[in-house]
Amino acid sequence: MNLSPAIAWRYLFTHRSSHFINIISRVTIFGISIGAAALILVLSVFNGFEVLIASMINTFNPDLKVVPVAGKYFDIDSTTLKSLMAIPGVQLISQTIEETAYFEYDERPSTGVMKGVDQNYRRVTTIDSTLLEGDFRLEQDDQMYAVLGAGIARLLSVDVLNVFNQLTVYMANRHQRPGSLQQPFRQRSLYPIAIFGIQQDIDNEYILVPLSFAQDILSRQGQVSALEIKTGVGADEGLVKTEISRTLGDEFMVLNRYQQDEEFMKLMNIEKWMAFAIACLMILLIAFNLVGCLWMIVLDKKKDIAILKALGGTSNFIRDIFVRLGAYFSLIGLGIGILLASTIYFLQKQFGIITIPQGFVIDTYPIEMRFVDLLVVTLTVLTIGLIASLPAALRASRFSSSIRESG
């Protein structure tokens, strides 16, 4: 029979000779529980922001995006489009073209990204759901329109209700020869019709224009910079991606939603785990309290240790008792911490008890608890607890077996 777990469990709940040790034990468990709850909630809040921002970006990005491996533009023909549409799981394809441009509205200039899109774009993405003003429209009665991001619309002071002012787009004339008297810039005008709000980086840069307008000003008739693809409900995105790559060949890359914003998502993960590491410092500070608590328990149980050694208990047996005692402290604190974090998580999800200052797109902090984060926190707390228990356990294992010397 293995006695060390039973003895460690009894030491956990038995009253000590000093009331101060009992207080320190409770404070230690409380500290571990607060630290564990903090770790879980920090990760959950970052998860919430990750999901929120990803959902916002996904209203602008398609399920899959085809871009060339080399170069920026490529030719696309109806035969290729038909081949792609024939792939099971492909529901819709939008042709787009992007380029940095210079914009001017009512004598107010700004630079940004002109994105030419076709009529399928609003169905491939959910751009309609992000409109703050106006209606999404690209062409009507031979008139072309622009849909602006909220940030660049603010810089240009665009008024979508003003039917008299046009947005002028300037693009470098790539066909101009050295010494030529041609204008160095090509320019075209269209009316701003709507403003969308998605995410700051997108809002500050993008202006959506008709695909034919962008191809004309770029002198890229028949060319695009990307094919944006909407997959069907229940389609296996991985299989669809593989089949598209097989159809188009090695000259093209097929990007899923994560890969389209890979750098941003990686930055989010780095920030998340940096915050986790900082929160771990709090657990390390609490671990010093655990070290002191176990040390005092060891001193309180000197006679018990001597008796156990006199009865044949080895140094390893004594060490195991106090290592397990430290693990029990950590487990109880962890359990209370998970319960506390789960309670706060439920209240935040249901009632939004912690709010965000005005000016953000939401009113309360987003939060999402994941099993993998609970597992990481559990391993972290238990590892720190076991390490913190070693100094006291090693000291206890070196005590003399003489009761008189232990008195």
Protein backbone atom coordinates (compact mmCIF):
# COMPACT_ATOMS: atom_id res chain seq x y z
CA MET A 1 0.00 0.00 0.00
CA ASN A 2 1.34 3.45 -0.94
CA LEU A 3 1.03 5.56 2.21
CA SER A 4 2.52 8.83 0.96
CA PRO A 5 -0.67 10.07 -0.82
CA ALA A 6 -2.79 9.33 2.27
CA ILE A 7 -0.35 11.08 4.60
CA ALA A 8 -0.02 14.07 2.28
CA TRP A 9 -3.80 14.32 2.06
CA ARG A 10 -4.11 14.23 5.85
CA TYR A 11 -1.44 16.91 6.24
CA LEU A 12 -3.42 19.08 3.82
CA PHE A 13 -6.51 19.23 6.04
CA THR A 14 -5.23 18.54 9.53
CA HIS A 15 -4.99 21.45 11.98
CA ARG A 16 -1.44 22.58 12.62
CA SER A 17 0.01 23.53 15.97
CA SER A 18 0.22 27.15 14.79
CA HIS A 19 -2.92 28.96 13.67
CA PHE A 20 -0.69 31.16 11.49
CA ILE A 21 0.26 28.14 9.34
CA ASN A 22 -3.43 27.42 8.73
CA ILE A 23 -3.94 31.01 7.57
CA ILE A 24 -0.91 30.83 5.26
CA SER A 25 -2.23 27.55 3.79
CA ARG A 26 -5.58 29.13 2.94
CA VAL A 27 -3.89 32.23 1.53
CA THR A 28 -1.68 29.99 -0.64
CA ILE A 29 -4.67 28.12 -2.09
CA PHE A 30 -6.49 31.42 -2.64
CA GLY A 31 -3.45 32.89 -4.42
CA ILE A 32 -3.10 29.88 -6.71
CA SER A 33 -6.80 30.01 -7.56
CA ILE A 34 -6.64 33.72 -8.41
CA GLY A 35 -3.53 33.16 -10.53
CA ALA A 36 -5.07 30.22 -12.40
CA ALA A 37 -8.28 32.17 -13.03
CA ALA A 38 -6.26 35.12 -14.31
CA LEU A 39 -4.33 32.90 -16.74
CA ILE A 40 -7.54 31.37 -18.09
CA LEU A 41 -9.28 34.72 -18.47
CA VAL A 42 -6.30 36.40 -20.14
CA LEU A 43 -6.19 33.65 -22.78
CA SER A 44 -9.98 33.70 -23.15
CA VAL A 45 -10.08 37.47 -23.75
CA PHE A 46 -7.39 37.20 -26.42
CA ASN A 47 -9.35 34.33 -27.97
CA GLY A 48 -12.42 36.56 -28.00
CA PHE A 49 -10.59 39.41 -29.73
CA GLU A 50 -9.07 36.95 -32.21
CA VAL A 51 -12.51 35.59 -33.13
CA LEU A 52 -14.01 39.09 -33.28
CA ILE A 53 -11.31 40.54 -35.53
CA ALA A 54 -11.23 37.39 -37.70
CA SER A 55 -15.01 37.62 -38.18
CA MET A 56 -14.69 41.29 -39.12
CA ILE A 57 -11.91 40.60 -41.62
CA ASN A 58 -13.81 37.62 -43.03
CA THR A 59 -16.55 39.95 -44.21
CA PHE A 60 -13.93 41.39 -46.57
CA ASN A 61 -11.95 38.24 -47.37
CA PRO A 62 -13.27 35.22 -49.29
CA ASP A 63 -13.15 31.57 -48.23
CA LEU A 64 -10.32 30.94 -50.71
CA LYS A 65 -8.16 33.31 -52.72
CA VAL A 66 -6.08 32.49 -55.81
CA VAL A 67 -3.01 34.66 -56.44
CA PRO A 68 -0.01 34.24 -58.76
CA VAL A 69 3.24 32.87 -57.34
CA ALA A 70 5.29 35.33 -59.40
CA GLY A 71 4.18 38.76 -60.51
CA LYS A 72 1.08 40.68 -59.53
CA TYR A 73 -1.36 40.25 -62.40
CA PHE A 74 -2.44 37.36 -64.59
CA ASP A 75 -4.76 36.74 -67.52
CA ILE A 76 -7.97 34.88 -66.91
CA ASP A 77 -10.29 33.41 -69.53
CA SER A 78 -13.79 31.96 -69.50
CA THR A 79 -12.51 28.39 -70.02
CA THR A 80 -10.44 28.53 -66.83
CA LEU A 81 -13.36 30.02 -64.90
CA LYS A 82 -15.66 27.24 -66.11
CA SER A 83 -13.11 24.62 -65.05
CA LEU A 84 -12.93 26.15 -61.58
CA MET A 85 -16.71 26.42 -61.26
CA ALA A 86 -16.97 22.73 -62.14
CA ILE A 87 -14.95 21.76 -59.05
CA PRO A 88 -17.26 20.29 -56.36
CA GLY A 89 -17.55 22.74 -53.49
CA VAL A 90 -16.89 25.91 -55.53
CA GLN A 91 -20.04 28.02 -55.33
CA LEU A 92 -19.01 31.38 -56.76
CA ILE A 93 -15.92 33.16 -58.14
CA SER A 94 -15.18 36.89 -58.09
CA GLN A 95 -12.43 38.51 -60.15
CA THR A 96 -10.55 41.33 -58.43
CA ILE A 97 -7.60 43.59 -59.12
CA GLU A 98 -5.69 45.76 -56.62
CA GLU A 99 -3.20 48.59 -56.89
CA THR A 100 -2.05 51.53 -54.82
CA ALA A 101 -3.56 54.76 -56.12
CA TYR A 102 -3.84 58.47 -55.43
CA PHE A 103 -7.31 59.80 -54.67
CA GLU A 104 -8.78 63.27 -54.57
CA TYR A 105 -12.20 64.43 -53.40
CA ASP A 106 -13.24 68.07 -53.18
CA GLU A 107 -9.54 69.08 -53.36
CA ARG A 108 -8.64 66.76 -50.45
CA PRO A 109 -5.95 64.21 -51.41
CA SER A 110 -5.04 60.80 -49.98
CA THR A 111 -3.33 57.61 -51.03
CA GLY A 112 -4.85 54.19 -50.63
CA VAL A 113 -5.58 50.88 -52.32
CA MET A 114 -7.95 50.76 -55.25
CA LYS A 115 -9.63 47.36 -55.43
CA GLY A 116 -11.58 46.60 -58.57
CA VAL A 117 -14.31 44.04 -57.99
CA ASP A 118 -17.01 42.47 -60.15
CA GLN A 119 -20.69 41.99 -59.41
CA ASN A 120 -20.05 38.63 -57.72
CA TYR A 121 -17.92 40.20 -54.99
CA ARG A 122 -20.81 41.13 -52.72
CA ARG A 123 -21.98 37.49 -52.81
CA VAL A 124 -18.53 35.97 -52.36
CA THR A 125 -18.00 38.14 -49.26
CA THR A 126 -20.49 39.67 -46.84
CA ILE A 127 -19.46 43.26 -47.56
CA ASP A 128 -23.11 44.37 -47.45
CA SER A 129 -23.26 43.69 -43.72
CA THR A 130 -20.46 46.18 -43.06
CA LEU A 131 -22.01 49.23 -44.71
CA LEU A 132 -22.25 52.29 -42.48
CA GLU A 133 -23.75 54.63 -45.07
CA GLY A 134 -25.30 54.23 -48.50
CA ASP A 135 -25.99 51.13 -50.60
CA PHE A 136 -23.45 48.82 -52.19
CA ARG A 137 -23.52 49.62 -55.89
CA LEU A 138 -20.80 49.46 -58.54
CA GLU A 139 -22.53 50.40 -61.79
CA GLN A 140 -25.94 51.70 -62.79
CA ASP A 141 -27.14 53.38 -65.99
CA ASP A 142 -23.59 53.67 -67.36
CA GLN A 143 -22.50 55.44 -64.17
CA MET A 144 -19.71 53.97 -62.01
CA TYR A 145 -19.57 54.20 -58.22
CA ALA A 146 -17.03 53.72 -55.43
CA VAL A 147 -17.48 52.17 -51.98
CA LEU A 148 -14.98 53.56 -49.48
CA GLY A 149 -13.54 52.36 -46.20
CA ALA A 150 -14.57 54.51 -43.26
CA GLY A 151 -11.01 55.64 -42.52
CA ILE A 152 -10.10 56.86 -45.97
CA ALA A 153 -13.60 58.35 -46.39
CA ARG A 154 -12.91 60.41 -43.26
CA LEU A 155 -9.53 61.56 -44.59
CA LEU A 156 -11.13 62.67 -47.84
CA SER A 157 -14.20 64.13 -46.07
CA VAL A 158 -16.46 62.19 -48.42
CA ASP A 159 -20.19 62.86 -48.32
CA VAL A 160 -22.03 60.02 -50.07
CA LEU A 161 -25.21 62.14 -50.15
CA ASN A 162 -23.51 64.81 -52.23
CA VAL A 163 -24.39 63.90 -55.82
CA PHE A 164 -22.25 66.65 -57.33
CA ASN A 165 -18.74 65.87 -56.08
CA GLN A 166 -16.83 63.06 -57.75
CA LEU A 167 -13.93 60.98 -56.48
CA THR A 168 -10.95 61.26 -58.81
CA VAL A 169 -8.47 58.39 -59.08
CA TYR A 170 -4.91 58.99 -60.32
CA MET A 171 -2.67 56.18 -61.54
CA ALA A 172 0.85 56.34 -62.96
CA ASN A 173 0.85 55.94 -66.74
CA ARG A 174 2.90 52.79 -67.25
CA HIS A 175 2.99 53.27 -71.05
CA GLN A 176 4.65 56.68 -70.89
CA ARG A 177 8.02 56.76 -72.61
CA PRO A 178 10.99 58.81 -71.34
CA GLY A 179 10.84 62.34 -72.74
CA SER A 180 7.25 61.88 -73.87
CA LEU A 181 4.83 64.77 -73.58
CA GLN A 182 2.09 62.47 -72.35
CA GLN A 183 0.58 63.07 -68.94
CA PRO A 184 2.49 61.08 -66.26
CA PHE A 185 -0.79 60.09 -64.63
CA ARG A 186 -3.98 58.58 -65.90
CA GLN A 187 -7.10 59.81 -64.14
CA ARG A 188 -10.71 58.70 -63.97
CA SER A 189 -13.65 59.87 -61.85
CA LEU A 190 -16.63 58.17 -60.26
CA TYR A 191 -19.17 58.91 -57.55
CA PRO A 192 -18.78 57.69 -53.94
CA ILE A 193 -21.95 55.78 -53.09
CA ALA A 194 -21.32 54.00 -49.77
CA ILE A 195 -18.97 53.66 -46.79
CA PHE A 196 -18.06 50.41 -45.06
CA GLY A 197 -16.48 49.75 -41.67
CA ILE A 198 -14.60 46.49 -41.05
CA GLN A 199 -11.23 46.86 -39.37
CA GLN A 200 -8.95 49.87 -39.04
CA ASP A 201 -6.21 48.71 -41.42
CA ILE A 202 -8.75 47.89 -44.12
CA ASP A 203 -10.93 50.95 -43.52
CA ASN A 204 -7.95 53.30 -43.79
CA GLU A 205 -6.76 51.95 -47.14
CA TYR A 206 -9.38 50.37 -49.36
CA ILE A 207 -11.72 51.87 -51.93
CA LEU A 208 -13.80 49.43 -53.96
CA VAL A 209 -14.46 50.31 -57.59
CA PRO A 210 -15.88 48.40 -60.59
CA LEU A 211 -13.48 45.86 -62.07
CA SER A 212 -13.71 47.39 -65.56
CA PHE A 213 -12.90 50.85 -64.13
CA ALA A 214 -9.76 49.54 -62.37
CA GLN A 215 -8.62 47.55 -65.42
CA ASP A 216 -9.07 50.59 -67.64
CA ILE A 217 -7.09 53.03 -65.49
CA LEU A 218 -4.37 50.41 -64.98
CA SER A 219 -4.32 49.48 -68.68
CA ARG A 220 -4.78 45.86 -67.63
CA GLN A 221 -7.77 44.81 -69.74
CA GLY A 222 -8.55 41.13 -69.22
CA GLN A 223 -6.14 40.84 -66.30
CA VAL A 224 -6.79 40.39 -62.59
CA SER A 225 -4.66 40.14 -59.45
CA ALA A 226 -6.78 37.53 -57.65
CA LEU A 227 -9.70 35.16 -57.91
CA GLU A 228 -11.81 35.19 -54.75
CA ILE A 229 -13.81 32.02 -54.21
CA LYS A 230 -16.83 31.23 -52.09
CA THR A 231 -17.20 27.56 -51.12
CA GLY A 232 -20.51 25.81 -50.65
CA VAL A 233 -22.06 25.02 -47.29
CA GLY A 234 -20.55 21.81 -45.91
CA ALA A 235 -17.80 21.71 -48.54
CA ASP A 236 -14.42 20.35 -47.47
CA GLU A 237 -12.29 23.47 -47.87
CA GLY A 238 -9.05 21.48 -47.85
CA LEU A 239 -10.18 19.24 -50.72
CA VAL A 240 -11.50 22.22 -52.67
CA LYS A 241 -8.19 24.03 -52.19
CA THR A 242 -6.24 20.99 -53.38
CA GLU A 243 -8.43 20.55 -56.47
CA ILE A 244 -8.08 24.25 -57.39
CA SER A 245 -4.30 23.99 -57.08
CA ARG A 246 -4.32 20.90 -59.30
CA THR A 247 -6.45 22.67 -61.92
CA LEU A 248 -4.40 25.89 -62.06
CA GLY A 249 -0.94 24.37 -61.63
CA ASP A 250 2.18 25.48 -59.78
CA GLU A 251 2.04 29.06 -61.05
CA PHE A 252 -0.71 29.92 -58.54
CA MET A 253 -1.19 29.82 -54.79
CA VAL A 254 -4.53 29.08 -53.14
CA LEU A 255 -4.87 30.82 -49.76
CA ASN A 256 -7.43 30.04 -47.08
CA ARG A 257 -8.77 32.69 -44.68
CA TYR A 258 -5.90 32.24 -42.21
CA GLN A 259 -3.23 32.46 -44.91
CA GLN A 260 -4.75 35.65 -46.36
CA ASP A 261 -3.99 37.42 -43.06
CA GLU A 262 -1.26 35.11 -41.77
CA GLU A 263 1.04 37.85 -40.47
CA PHE A 264 -1.79 39.53 -38.56
CA MET A 265 -2.98 36.23 -37.02
CA LYS A 266 0.59 35.33 -36.03
CA LEU A 267 0.95 38.74 -34.36
CA MET A 268 -2.28 38.11 -32.44
CA ASN A 269 -0.94 34.76 -31.22
CA ILE A 270 2.38 36.32 -30.19
CA GLU A 271 0.55 38.99 -28.18
CA LYS A 272 -1.64 36.33 -26.61
CA TRP A 273 1.24 34.17 -25.39
CA MET A 274 3.28 37.20 -24.31
CA ALA A 275 0.35 38.20 -22.09
CA PHE A 276 0.22 34.61 -20.85
CA ALA A 277 3.93 34.71 -19.98
CA ILE A 278 3.46 37.97 -18.06
CA ALA A 279 0.53 36.44 -16.17
CA CYS A 280 2.72 33.43 -15.36
CA LEU A 281 5.00 35.77 -13.40
CA MET A 282 2.12 36.23 -10.97
CA ILE A 283 1.94 32.46 -10.49
CA LEU A 284 5.70 32.41 -9.87
CA LEU A 285 5.32 35.04 -7.16
CA ILE A 286 2.54 32.99 -5.61
CA ALA A 287 4.84 29.98 -5.78
CA PHE A 288 7.15 31.65 -3.28
CA ASN A 289 4.19 31.73 -0.92
CA LEU A 290 3.72 27.99 -1.52
CA VAL A 291 7.40 27.40 -0.75
CA GLY A 292 7.07 29.26 2.57
CA CYS A 293 3.83 27.45 3.42
CA LEU A 294 5.32 24.00 2.83
CA TRP A 295 8.46 24.95 4.71
CA MET A 296 6.44 25.85 7.80
CA ILE A 297 4.43 22.63 7.51
CA VAL A 298 7.70 20.68 7.36
CA LEU A 299 8.91 22.40 10.55
CA ASP A 300 5.53 21.75 12.18
CA LYS A 301 5.72 18.04 11.31
CA LYS A 302 9.33 17.39 12.39
CA LYS A 303 8.27 14.85 15.01
CA ASP A 304 6.00 13.08 12.53
CA ILE A 305 8.87 12.87 10.06
CA ALA A 306 11.17 11.44 12.72
CA ILE A 307 8.55 8.80 13.66
CA LEU A 308 8.06 7.84 10.02
CA LYS A 309 11.81 7.48 9.57
CA ALA A 310 12.10 5.46 12.77
CA LEU A 311 9.43 3.12 11.41
CA GLY A 312 11.47 2.56 8.25
CA GLY A 313 10.39 5.42 6.02
CA THR A 314 13.08 6.30 3.51
CA SER A 315 14.18 9.80 2.48
CA ASN A 316 12.43 9.26 -0.86
CA PHE A 317 9.22 8.36 0.98
CA ILE A 318 9.36 11.56 3.06
CA ARG A 319 10.19 13.66 0.01
CA ASP A 320 7.28 12.13 -1.87
CA ILE A 321 4.84 13.13 0.89
CA PHE A 322 5.65 16.81 0.65
CA VAL A 323 5.89 16.83 -3.14
CA ARG A 324 2.39 15.39 -3.19
CA LEU A 325 1.28 17.93 -0.60
CA GLY A 326 2.49 20.73 -2.89
CA ALA A 327 0.65 19.09 -5.79
CA TYR A 328 -2.57 18.93 -3.71
CA PHE A 329 -2.28 22.62 -2.87
CA SER A 330 -1.87 23.35 -6.60
CA LEU A 331 -4.74 21.07 -7.64
CA ILE A 332 -7.21 22.58 -5.17
CA GLY A 333 -6.16 26.11 -6.14
CA LEU A 334 -6.41 25.18 -9.81
CA GLY A 335 -9.89 23.70 -9.35
CA ILE A 336 -11.16 26.80 -7.54
CA GLY A 337 -9.49 28.98 -10.20
CA ILE A 338 -11.20 27.12 -13.05
CA LEU A 339 -14.54 27.42 -11.24
CA LEU A 340 -13.97 31.15 -10.68
CA ALA A 341 -12.90 31.74 -14.28
CA SER A 342 -15.89 29.76 -15.58
CA THR A 343 -18.25 31.87 -13.47
CA ILE A 344 -16.78 35.14 -14.76
CA TYR A 345 -16.81 33.73 -18.30
CA PHE A 346 -20.53 32.89 -18.03
CA LEU A 347 -21.39 36.31 -16.59
CA GLN A 348 -19.39 38.11 -19.28
CA LYS A 349 -20.94 36.04 -22.06
CA GLN A 350 -24.49 36.47 -20.81
CA PHE A 351 -24.49 39.93 -19.29
CA GLY A 352 -21.30 41.70 -20.45
CA ILE A 353 -20.31 42.76 -16.93
CA ILE A 354 -16.95 44.24 -18.07
CA THR A 355 -17.44 46.96 -20.66
CA ILE A 356 -15.13 48.62 -23.20
CA PRO A 357 -14.83 52.43 -23.35
CA GLN A 358 -16.90 54.05 -26.08
CA GLY A 359 -15.43 54.25 -29.55
CA PHE A 360 -14.87 50.54 -30.18
CA VAL A 361 -17.05 48.38 -32.40
CA ILE A 362 -18.43 46.47 -29.41
CA ASP A 363 -19.55 47.48 -25.93
CA THR A 364 -18.13 44.62 -23.84
CA TYR A 365 -14.95 42.56 -23.86
CA PRO A 366 -15.28 39.52 -26.13
CA ILE A 367 -14.33 36.24 -24.49
CA GLU A 368 -14.01 32.64 -25.60
CA MET A 369 -12.78 29.77 -23.44
CA ARG A 370 -11.00 26.88 -25.19
CA PHE A 371 -10.15 23.44 -23.89
CA VAL A 372 -6.55 23.65 -25.10
CA ASP A 373 -6.05 26.80 -23.00
CA LEU A 374 -7.43 25.03 -19.92
CA LEU A 375 -4.96 22.23 -20.57
CA VAL A 376 -2.05 24.69 -20.92
CA VAL A 377 -3.01 26.50 -17.70
CA THR A 378 -3.39 23.18 -15.84
CA LEU A 379 0.06 22.00 -16.90
CA THR A 380 1.58 25.41 -16.09
CA VAL A 381 0.09 25.64 -12.59
CA LEU A 382 0.91 22.03 -11.70
CA THR A 383 4.47 22.32 -13.01
CA ILE A 384 5.13 25.51 -11.04
CA GLY A 385 3.50 23.93 -7.95
CA LEU A 386 5.66 20.81 -8.16
CA ILE A 387 8.84 22.83 -8.61
CA ALA A 388 7.90 25.06 -5.66
CA SER A 389 7.37 22.00 -3.43
CA LEU A 390 10.84 20.56 -4.05
CA PRO A 391 12.90 22.75 -1.63
CA ALA A 392 10.71 21.90 1.38
CA ALA A 393 10.44 18.24 0.34
CA LEU A 394 14.21 17.90 0.03
CA ARG A 395 14.71 19.56 3.41
CA ALA A 396 12.19 17.21 5.03
CA SER A 397 13.91 14.15 3.59
CA ARG A 398 17.16 15.15 5.34
CA PHE A 399 15.68 15.35 8.86
CA SER A 400 17.06 13.01 11.49
CA SER A 401 15.14 9.89 12.52
CA SER A 402 15.81 10.75 16.19
CA ILE A 403 12.68 12.06 17.90
CA ARG A 404 14.81 13.81 20.51
CA GLU A 405 16.76 15.69 17.85
CA SER A 406 13.54 16.63 16.12
CA GLY A 407 11.98 18.10 19.21
